[in-house]
Amino acid sequence: MNHNLSRALIVVAALMTGHAFAQSVNVKDAWARATVQGQKATGAFMTLTAKADSTLIGVSSSVAAVAEVHEMKMDGNVMQMRALTEGLRLPAGKAVELKPGGFHVMLMDLKLPLQKDTTIPVTLRFKDAKGAESTLDIKVPVSTAAPKGDAGGHQHMHEAPAKP
């Protein structure tokens, strides 16, 4: 078997493994907040729904040197933000919203300003209840505000294609 064919088969097998799990997590209404020149951090938001118990264990993007899943919450009268080092649990069938002021993706040390009406690549990393890991690559629209859903904005949904 030639070297190129071997490499192609390995790539196909890896892609099939990722798709098998990734198709069990739907991403809806993804968006990232636009930035201004010199701004080094922003948030990305979306709604995740897993078909089986899963955990969002990581995130990355080529537009940021650092990307983390964060939580914002009130502690007395102080708003606190922290990275979720154990990941974000996604209970089966329950929509988990990543939104301003709550769970969100933090993109830090931005390599360029994020301009409205563009898209950025984001890779989500998941672990299922059996410990199997996979990734899902999505294109996230950049905006100054959340999509309006049915109220005139567009809905953005990602789901890996179903296996034949």
N, C-alpha and C. Protein backbone atom coordinates (compact mmCIF):
# COMPACT_ATOMS: atom_id res chain seq x y z
N MET A 1 0.86 -1.17 0.00
CA MET A 1 0.00 0.00 0.00
C MET A 1 0.90 1.23 0.00
N ASN A 2 0.61 2.18 -0.89
CA ASN A 2 1.48 3.34 -0.94
C ASN A 2 1.24 4.28 0.25
N HIS A 3 2.22 5.14 0.49
CA HIS A 3 2.21 6.03 1.66
C HIS A 3 1.02 6.98 1.65
N ASN A 4 0.70 7.57 0.49
CA ASN A 4 -0.42 8.52 0.40
C ASN A 4 -1.75 7.85 0.69
N LEU A 5 -1.94 6.63 0.20
CA LEU A 5 -3.19 5.91 0.45
C LEU A 5 -3.31 5.58 1.94
N SER A 6 -2.22 5.16 2.56
CA SER A 6 -2.24 4.86 4.00
C SER A 6 -2.64 6.10 4.80
N ARG A 7 -2.03 7.22 4.46
CA ARG A 7 -2.33 8.46 5.17
C ARG A 7 -3.79 8.87 4.96
N ALA A 8 -4.31 8.71 3.74
CA ALA A 8 -5.70 9.05 3.44
C ALA A 8 -6.65 8.19 4.26
N LEU A 9 -6.36 6.90 4.38
CA LEU A 9 -7.22 6.02 5.17
C LEU A 9 -7.22 6.39 6.64
N ILE A 10 -6.08 6.80 7.16
CA ILE A 10 -5.99 7.23 8.57
C ILE A 10 -6.83 8.48 8.78
N VAL A 11 -6.72 9.44 7.85
CA VAL A 11 -7.50 10.68 7.95
C VAL A 11 -8.99 10.38 7.90
N VAL A 12 -9.42 9.52 6.97
CA VAL A 12 -10.84 9.17 6.86
C VAL A 12 -11.33 8.51 8.14
N ALA A 13 -10.55 7.60 8.70
CA ALA A 13 -10.95 6.93 9.95
C ALA A 13 -11.07 7.94 11.08
N ALA A 14 -10.14 8.88 11.17
CA ALA A 14 -10.20 9.90 12.22
C ALA A 14 -11.42 10.78 12.05
N LEU A 15 -11.72 11.17 10.82
CA LEU A 15 -12.89 12.01 10.58
C LEU A 15 -14.18 11.28 10.92
N MET A 16 -14.27 10.01 10.59
CA MET A 16 -15.48 9.25 10.89
C MET A 16 -15.67 9.14 12.39
N THR A 17 -14.59 8.95 13.14
CA THR A 17 -14.69 8.86 14.60
C THR A 17 -15.21 10.17 15.17
N GLY A 18 -14.67 11.30 14.72
CA GLY A 18 -15.12 12.60 15.21
C GLY A 18 -16.56 12.87 14.86
N HIS A 19 -16.97 12.53 13.64
CA HIS A 19 -18.35 12.78 13.23
C HIS A 19 -19.34 11.92 13.99
N ALA A 20 -18.95 10.70 14.33
CA ALA A 20 -19.87 9.81 15.03
C ALA A 20 -20.32 10.43 16.35
N PHE A 21 -19.39 11.07 17.07
CA PHE A 21 -19.77 11.70 18.32
C PHE A 21 -20.31 13.10 18.10
N ALA A 22 -19.65 13.85 17.21
CA ALA A 22 -20.02 15.25 17.03
C ALA A 22 -21.46 15.41 16.60
N GLN A 23 -21.99 14.43 15.84
CA GLN A 23 -23.36 14.59 15.40
C GLN A 23 -24.35 14.50 16.56
N SER A 24 -23.88 14.10 17.73
CA SER A 24 -24.78 14.04 18.88
C SER A 24 -24.83 15.36 19.66
N VAL A 25 -24.11 16.39 19.19
CA VAL A 25 -24.17 17.70 19.82
C VAL A 25 -24.57 18.72 18.76
N ASN A 26 -25.67 19.40 18.99
CA ASN A 26 -26.13 20.45 18.09
C ASN A 26 -25.68 21.81 18.63
N VAL A 27 -25.26 22.67 17.72
CA VAL A 27 -24.87 24.04 18.06
C VAL A 27 -25.84 24.96 17.34
N LYS A 28 -26.48 25.85 18.10
CA LYS A 28 -27.49 26.74 17.54
C LYS A 28 -27.20 28.17 17.96
N ASP A 29 -27.52 29.12 17.08
CA ASP A 29 -27.42 30.55 17.37
C ASP A 29 -26.03 30.98 17.84
N ALA A 30 -24.99 30.43 17.22
CA ALA A 30 -23.62 30.81 17.59
C ALA A 30 -23.32 32.22 17.09
N TRP A 31 -22.60 32.99 17.92
CA TRP A 31 -22.13 34.31 17.52
C TRP A 31 -20.99 34.74 18.42
N ALA A 32 -20.15 35.61 17.90
CA ALA A 32 -19.06 36.19 18.68
C ALA A 32 -19.20 37.69 18.64
N ARG A 33 -18.87 38.34 19.74
CA ARG A 33 -18.99 39.80 19.83
C ARG A 33 -17.84 40.47 19.06
N ALA A 34 -18.20 41.41 18.20
CA ALA A 34 -17.22 42.19 17.44
C ALA A 34 -16.33 42.99 18.38
N THR A 35 -15.12 43.28 17.93
CA THR A 35 -14.18 44.05 18.75
C THR A 35 -13.74 45.31 18.01
N VAL A 36 -13.04 46.16 18.72
CA VAL A 36 -12.46 47.36 18.13
C VAL A 36 -10.94 47.19 18.12
N GLN A 37 -10.26 47.98 17.31
CA GLN A 37 -8.81 47.93 17.22
C GLN A 37 -8.18 48.02 18.61
N GLY A 38 -7.26 47.11 18.91
CA GLY A 38 -6.57 47.12 20.19
C GLY A 38 -7.24 46.28 21.27
N GLN A 39 -8.50 45.91 21.09
CA GLN A 39 -9.20 45.07 22.07
C GLN A 39 -8.61 43.66 21.98
N LYS A 40 -8.25 43.07 23.09
CA LYS A 40 -7.55 41.79 23.10
C LYS A 40 -8.40 40.60 23.55
N ALA A 41 -9.68 40.83 23.87
CA ALA A 41 -10.52 39.71 24.31
C ALA A 41 -11.97 39.98 23.92
N THR A 42 -12.71 38.89 23.74
CA THR A 42 -14.14 38.99 23.46
C THR A 42 -14.78 37.66 23.83
N GLY A 43 -16.10 37.61 23.73
CA GLY A 43 -16.83 36.38 24.04
C GLY A 43 -17.49 35.81 22.81
N ALA A 44 -17.70 34.49 22.86
CA ALA A 44 -18.49 33.79 21.84
C ALA A 44 -19.60 33.05 22.58
N PHE A 45 -20.75 32.98 21.94
CA PHE A 45 -21.95 32.49 22.60
C PHE A 45 -22.69 31.54 21.67
N MET A 46 -23.47 30.62 22.23
CA MET A 46 -24.22 29.65 21.44
C MET A 46 -25.08 28.82 22.37
N THR A 47 -25.94 28.01 21.79
CA THR A 47 -26.72 27.05 22.57
C THR A 47 -26.29 25.66 22.14
N LEU A 48 -25.92 24.82 23.11
CA LEU A 48 -25.48 23.46 22.84
C LEU A 48 -26.52 22.48 23.37
N THR A 49 -26.86 21.50 22.55
CA THR A 49 -27.77 20.45 22.99
C THR A 49 -27.15 19.11 22.62
N ALA A 50 -26.86 18.30 23.63
CA ALA A 50 -26.27 16.98 23.41
C ALA A 50 -27.36 15.93 23.46
N LYS A 51 -27.26 14.93 22.59
CA LYS A 51 -28.23 13.84 22.59
C LYS A 51 -27.97 12.85 23.72
N ALA A 52 -26.70 12.81 24.17
CA ALA A 52 -26.31 11.94 25.30
C ALA A 52 -25.48 12.79 26.25
N ASP A 53 -25.44 12.41 27.53
CA ASP A 53 -24.64 13.16 28.51
C ASP A 53 -23.22 13.36 27.98
N SER A 54 -22.77 14.60 27.99
CA SER A 54 -21.46 14.96 27.46
C SER A 54 -20.92 16.13 28.26
N THR A 55 -19.67 16.49 27.96
CA THR A 55 -19.04 17.65 28.57
C THR A 55 -18.27 18.41 27.51
N LEU A 56 -18.46 19.73 27.47
CA LEU A 56 -17.63 20.58 26.63
C LEU A 56 -16.33 20.78 27.40
N ILE A 57 -15.25 20.17 26.93
CA ILE A 57 -14.00 20.18 27.71
C ILE A 57 -12.98 21.19 27.20
N GLY A 58 -13.22 21.77 26.03
CA GLY A 58 -12.26 22.73 25.54
C GLY A 58 -12.74 23.41 24.28
N VAL A 59 -12.03 24.47 23.93
CA VAL A 59 -12.35 25.25 22.75
C VAL A 59 -11.07 25.87 22.24
N SER A 60 -11.00 26.07 20.93
CA SER A 60 -9.85 26.75 20.35
C SER A 60 -10.30 27.51 19.11
N SER A 61 -9.50 28.49 18.73
CA SER A 61 -9.77 29.26 17.52
C SER A 61 -8.45 29.85 17.03
N SER A 62 -8.29 29.88 15.73
CA SER A 62 -7.06 30.43 15.16
C SER A 62 -6.98 31.95 15.34
N VAL A 63 -8.07 32.61 15.73
CA VAL A 63 -8.05 34.07 15.91
C VAL A 63 -7.59 34.48 17.31
N ALA A 64 -7.44 33.50 18.22
CA ALA A 64 -7.07 33.81 19.61
C ALA A 64 -5.97 32.88 20.08
N ALA A 65 -5.01 33.44 20.82
CA ALA A 65 -3.94 32.62 21.39
C ALA A 65 -4.49 31.74 22.51
N VAL A 66 -5.53 32.23 23.20
CA VAL A 66 -6.12 31.50 24.32
C VAL A 66 -7.64 31.50 24.15
N ALA A 67 -8.25 30.33 24.30
CA ALA A 67 -9.71 30.20 24.28
C ALA A 67 -10.11 29.27 25.42
N GLU A 68 -11.08 29.71 26.21
CA GLU A 68 -11.50 28.93 27.37
C GLU A 68 -13.02 29.01 27.53
N VAL A 69 -13.58 28.00 28.17
CA VAL A 69 -14.99 28.03 28.56
C VAL A 69 -15.03 28.69 29.94
N HIS A 70 -15.83 29.75 30.07
CA HIS A 70 -15.90 30.53 31.31
C HIS A 70 -17.32 30.56 31.86
N GLU A 71 -17.41 30.93 33.12
CA GLU A 71 -18.68 31.17 33.79
C GLU A 71 -18.61 32.53 34.47
N MET A 72 -19.66 33.32 34.30
CA MET A 72 -19.80 34.57 35.07
C MET A 72 -20.94 34.36 36.04
N LYS A 73 -20.73 34.79 37.28
CA LYS A 73 -21.81 34.70 38.27
C LYS A 73 -21.60 35.73 39.34
N MET A 74 -22.68 36.08 40.00
CA MET A 74 -22.63 37.05 41.09
C MET A 74 -22.19 36.34 42.37
N ASP A 75 -21.25 36.96 43.07
CA ASP A 75 -20.83 36.51 44.39
C ASP A 75 -21.04 37.70 45.31
N GLY A 76 -22.19 37.72 45.96
CA GLY A 76 -22.59 38.92 46.72
C GLY A 76 -22.90 40.01 45.72
N ASN A 77 -22.22 41.14 45.82
CA ASN A 77 -22.43 42.24 44.88
C ASN A 77 -21.33 42.31 43.82
N VAL A 78 -20.54 41.25 43.71
CA VAL A 78 -19.41 41.26 42.78
C VAL A 78 -19.61 40.23 41.68
N MET A 79 -19.51 40.67 40.41
CA MET A 79 -19.57 39.75 39.29
C MET A 79 -18.21 39.10 39.14
N GLN A 80 -18.18 37.79 39.14
CA GLN A 80 -16.92 37.06 39.00
C GLN A 80 -16.93 36.22 37.74
N MET A 81 -15.77 36.12 37.10
CA MET A 81 -15.63 35.27 35.93
C MET A 81 -14.50 34.30 36.20
N ARG A 82 -14.73 33.04 35.82
CA ARG A 82 -13.69 32.03 36.02
C ARG A 82 -13.75 30.99 34.91
N ALA A 83 -12.60 30.43 34.62
CA ALA A 83 -12.53 29.33 33.64
C ALA A 83 -13.11 28.07 34.28
N LEU A 84 -13.82 27.28 33.49
CA LEU A 84 -14.36 26.00 33.96
C LEU A 84 -13.32 24.92 33.67
N THR A 85 -12.46 24.65 34.63
CA THR A 85 -11.37 23.71 34.42
C THR A 85 -11.84 22.28 34.25
N GLU A 86 -13.02 21.96 34.74
CA GLU A 86 -13.58 20.61 34.60
C GLU A 86 -14.51 20.52 33.38
N GLY A 87 -14.67 21.61 32.66
CA GLY A 87 -15.55 21.62 31.49
C GLY A 87 -16.98 21.99 31.86
N LEU A 88 -17.82 22.07 30.84
CA LEU A 88 -19.23 22.42 31.01
C LEU A 88 -20.08 21.20 30.70
N ARG A 89 -20.81 20.75 31.71
CA ARG A 89 -21.66 19.56 31.53
C ARG A 89 -22.82 19.87 30.60
N LEU A 90 -23.10 18.91 29.72
CA LEU A 90 -24.21 19.00 28.77
C LEU A 90 -25.12 17.80 29.00
N PRO A 91 -26.14 17.95 29.85
CA PRO A 91 -27.06 16.83 30.12
C PRO A 91 -27.82 16.45 28.85
N ALA A 92 -28.06 15.18 28.67
CA ALA A 92 -28.75 14.67 27.48
C ALA A 92 -30.07 15.40 27.24
N GLY A 93 -30.25 15.91 26.03
CA GLY A 93 -31.50 16.52 25.62
C GLY A 93 -31.80 17.90 26.18
N LYS A 94 -30.92 18.44 27.02
CA LYS A 94 -31.17 19.74 27.63
C LYS A 94 -30.31 20.81 26.95
N ALA A 95 -30.96 21.86 26.46
CA ALA A 95 -30.22 22.96 25.83
C ALA A 95 -29.45 23.72 26.90
N VAL A 96 -28.15 23.90 26.66
CA VAL A 96 -27.29 24.66 27.57
C VAL A 96 -26.88 25.92 26.83
N GLU A 97 -27.29 27.06 27.37
CA GLU A 97 -27.05 28.33 26.69
C GLU A 97 -25.76 28.97 27.18
N LEU A 98 -24.91 29.32 26.23
CA LEU A 98 -23.72 30.12 26.50
C LEU A 98 -24.08 31.52 26.08
N LYS A 99 -24.16 32.45 27.06
CA LYS A 99 -24.67 33.79 26.77
C LYS A 99 -23.92 34.83 27.59
N PRO A 100 -23.99 36.09 27.18
CA PRO A 100 -23.37 37.15 27.99
C PRO A 100 -23.90 37.10 29.42
N GLY A 101 -22.99 37.21 30.38
CA GLY A 101 -23.38 37.20 31.79
C GLY A 101 -23.53 35.81 32.39
N GLY A 102 -23.26 34.76 31.62
CA GLY A 102 -23.37 33.39 32.11
C GLY A 102 -22.21 32.57 31.58
N PHE A 103 -22.50 31.32 31.20
CA PHE A 103 -21.48 30.51 30.56
C PHE A 103 -21.17 31.13 29.20
N HIS A 104 -19.90 31.09 28.79
CA HIS A 104 -19.52 31.63 27.48
C HIS A 104 -18.13 31.13 27.11
N VAL A 105 -17.78 31.33 25.85
CA VAL A 105 -16.43 31.05 25.39
C VAL A 105 -15.67 32.36 25.44
N MET A 106 -14.54 32.38 26.11
CA MET A 106 -13.70 33.57 26.19
C MET A 106 -12.55 33.41 25.21
N LEU A 107 -12.44 34.37 24.28
CA LEU A 107 -11.35 34.40 23.31
C LEU A 107 -10.40 35.51 23.75
N MET A 108 -9.17 35.14 24.10
CA MET A 108 -8.22 36.10 24.67
C MET A 108 -6.94 36.15 23.84
N ASP A 109 -6.21 37.25 23.99
CA ASP A 109 -5.01 37.49 23.19
C ASP A 109 -5.34 37.37 21.71
N LEU A 110 -6.37 38.13 21.32
CA LEU A 110 -6.82 38.10 19.92
C LEU A 110 -5.68 38.49 18.99
N LYS A 111 -5.61 37.80 17.86
CA LYS A 111 -4.56 38.05 16.88
C LYS A 111 -4.95 39.14 15.89
N LEU A 112 -6.26 39.49 15.85
CA LEU A 112 -6.78 40.52 14.97
C LEU A 112 -8.13 40.98 15.49
N PRO A 113 -8.57 42.17 15.10
CA PRO A 113 -9.91 42.61 15.51
C PRO A 113 -10.97 41.72 14.83
N LEU A 114 -12.05 41.44 15.54
CA LEU A 114 -13.15 40.67 14.97
C LEU A 114 -14.16 41.66 14.42
N GLN A 115 -14.33 41.65 13.11
CA GLN A 115 -15.19 42.62 12.45
C GLN A 115 -16.59 42.07 12.23
N LYS A 116 -17.58 42.94 12.47
CA LYS A 116 -18.99 42.60 12.27
C LYS A 116 -19.18 42.07 10.85
N ASP A 117 -20.07 41.10 10.72
CA ASP A 117 -20.45 40.49 9.44
C ASP A 117 -19.34 39.64 8.83
N THR A 118 -18.41 39.16 9.66
CA THR A 118 -17.43 38.17 9.23
C THR A 118 -17.72 36.89 10.02
N THR A 119 -16.96 35.84 9.77
CA THR A 119 -17.07 34.63 10.58
C THR A 119 -15.68 34.24 11.06
N ILE A 120 -15.65 33.53 12.17
CA ILE A 120 -14.39 33.02 12.71
C ILE A 120 -14.51 31.51 12.91
N PRO A 121 -13.40 30.79 12.77
CA PRO A 121 -13.43 29.35 13.03
C PRO A 121 -13.30 29.08 14.52
N VAL A 122 -14.10 28.16 15.01
CA VAL A 122 -14.02 27.74 16.41
C VAL A 122 -14.10 26.22 16.43
N THR A 123 -13.25 25.60 17.21
CA THR A 123 -13.29 24.15 17.39
C THR A 123 -13.73 23.87 18.82
N LEU A 124 -14.80 23.09 18.94
CA LEU A 124 -15.31 22.68 20.25
C LEU A 124 -14.83 21.25 20.53
N ARG A 125 -14.36 21.01 21.75
CA ARG A 125 -13.90 19.67 22.14
C ARG A 125 -14.86 19.10 23.18
N PHE A 126 -15.30 17.88 22.94
CA PHE A 126 -16.27 17.22 23.81
C PHE A 126 -15.71 15.91 24.34
N LYS A 127 -16.27 15.50 25.48
CA LYS A 127 -16.01 14.17 26.01
C LYS A 127 -17.37 13.58 26.35
N ASP A 128 -17.61 12.34 25.88
CA ASP A 128 -18.89 11.71 26.19
C ASP A 128 -18.80 10.98 27.53
N ALA A 129 -19.90 10.40 27.97
CA ALA A 129 -19.97 9.77 29.29
C ALA A 129 -19.01 8.58 29.41
N LYS A 130 -18.60 8.00 28.27
CA LYS A 130 -17.66 6.87 28.29
C LYS A 130 -16.21 7.32 28.22
N GLY A 131 -16.00 8.64 28.13
CA GLY A 131 -14.64 9.16 28.10
C GLY A 131 -14.08 9.39 26.70
N ALA A 132 -14.85 9.08 25.66
CA ALA A 132 -14.38 9.29 24.29
C ALA A 132 -14.42 10.78 23.96
N GLU A 133 -13.33 11.27 23.36
CA GLU A 133 -13.24 12.69 23.01
C GLU A 133 -13.45 12.87 21.51
N SER A 134 -13.98 14.03 21.15
CA SER A 134 -14.14 14.39 19.75
C SER A 134 -14.16 15.90 19.62
N THR A 135 -14.10 16.37 18.38
CA THR A 135 -14.13 17.80 18.11
C THR A 135 -15.22 18.10 17.10
N LEU A 136 -15.66 19.35 17.12
CA LEU A 136 -16.63 19.85 16.14
C LEU A 136 -16.15 21.23 15.71
N ASP A 137 -15.87 21.38 14.42
CA ASP A 137 -15.44 22.67 13.87
C ASP A 137 -16.66 23.43 13.39
N ILE A 138 -16.79 24.67 13.82
CA ILE A 138 -17.91 25.51 13.40
C ILE A 138 -17.39 26.86 12.92
N LYS A 139 -18.19 27.53 12.12
CA LYS A 139 -17.93 28.90 11.70
C LYS A 139 -18.89 29.78 12.48
N VAL A 140 -18.35 30.72 13.22
CA VAL A 140 -19.15 31.55 14.12
C VAL A 140 -19.27 32.96 13.55
N PRO A 141 -20.50 33.43 13.29
CA PRO A 141 -20.69 34.80 12.80
C PRO A 141 -20.30 35.82 13.87
N VAL A 142 -19.68 36.91 13.44
CA VAL A 142 -19.30 38.00 14.33
C VAL A 142 -20.36 39.09 14.22
N SER A 143 -20.82 39.56 15.37
CA SER A 143 -21.90 40.55 15.41
C SER A 143 -21.71 41.47 16.61
N THR A 144 -22.47 42.55 16.63
CA THR A 144 -22.43 43.44 17.79
C THR A 144 -23.49 43.06 18.83
N ALA A 145 -24.43 42.17 18.44
CA ALA A 145 -25.49 41.74 19.35
C ALA A 145 -25.92 40.32 18.99
N ALA A 146 -26.60 39.67 19.92
CA ALA A 146 -27.08 38.30 19.70
C ALA A 146 -28.05 38.24 18.54
N PRO A 147 -28.07 37.10 17.82
CA PRO A 147 -29.06 36.94 16.76
C PRO A 147 -30.47 37.00 17.35
N LYS A 148 -31.40 37.47 16.58
CA LYS A 148 -32.77 37.63 17.06
C LYS A 148 -33.62 36.39 16.87
N GLY A 149 -33.07 35.31 16.32
CA GLY A 149 -33.85 34.09 16.13
C GLY A 149 -34.99 34.34 15.17
N ASP A 150 -36.20 34.01 15.56
CA ASP A 150 -37.36 34.16 14.69
C ASP A 150 -37.83 35.60 14.55
N ALA A 151 -37.26 36.50 15.31
CA ALA A 151 -37.73 37.89 15.29
C ALA A 151 -36.98 38.72 14.25
N GLY A 152 -36.61 38.10 13.14
CA GLY A 152 -36.01 38.86 12.07
C GLY A 152 -34.54 38.59 11.84
N GLY A 153 -33.84 38.06 12.83
CA GLY A 153 -32.44 37.70 12.63
C GLY A 153 -32.35 36.33 12.00
N HIS A 154 -31.14 35.85 11.80
CA HIS A 154 -31.02 34.50 11.26
C HIS A 154 -30.60 33.55 12.35
N GLN A 155 -30.98 32.30 12.16
CA GLN A 155 -30.58 31.27 13.09
C GLN A 155 -29.43 30.51 12.47
N HIS A 156 -28.44 30.20 13.25
CA HIS A 156 -27.26 29.52 12.75
C HIS A 156 -27.16 28.20 13.50
N MET A 157 -27.16 27.09 12.78
CA MET A 157 -27.11 25.80 13.43
C MET A 157 -26.06 24.94 12.79
N HIS A 158 -25.31 24.22 13.60
CA HIS A 158 -24.29 23.30 13.11
C HIS A 158 -24.61 21.94 13.64
N GLU A 159 -24.51 20.95 12.77
CA GLU A 159 -24.61 19.57 13.20
C GLU A 159 -23.82 18.76 12.20
N ALA A 160 -23.00 17.89 12.69
CA ALA A 160 -22.24 17.03 11.78
C ALA A 160 -23.22 16.19 10.98
N PRO A 161 -22.90 15.91 9.72
CA PRO A 161 -23.83 15.13 8.90
C PRO A 161 -24.05 13.74 9.48
N ALA A 162 -25.26 13.23 9.32
CA ALA A 162 -25.58 11.89 9.79
C ALA A 162 -24.83 10.88 8.95
N LYS A 163 -24.48 9.76 9.54
CA LYS A 163 -23.81 8.70 8.80
C LYS A 163 -24.83 8.01 7.88
N PRO A 164 -24.39 7.62 6.67
CA PRO A 164 -25.33 6.95 5.74
C PRO A 164 -25.81 5.63 6.27
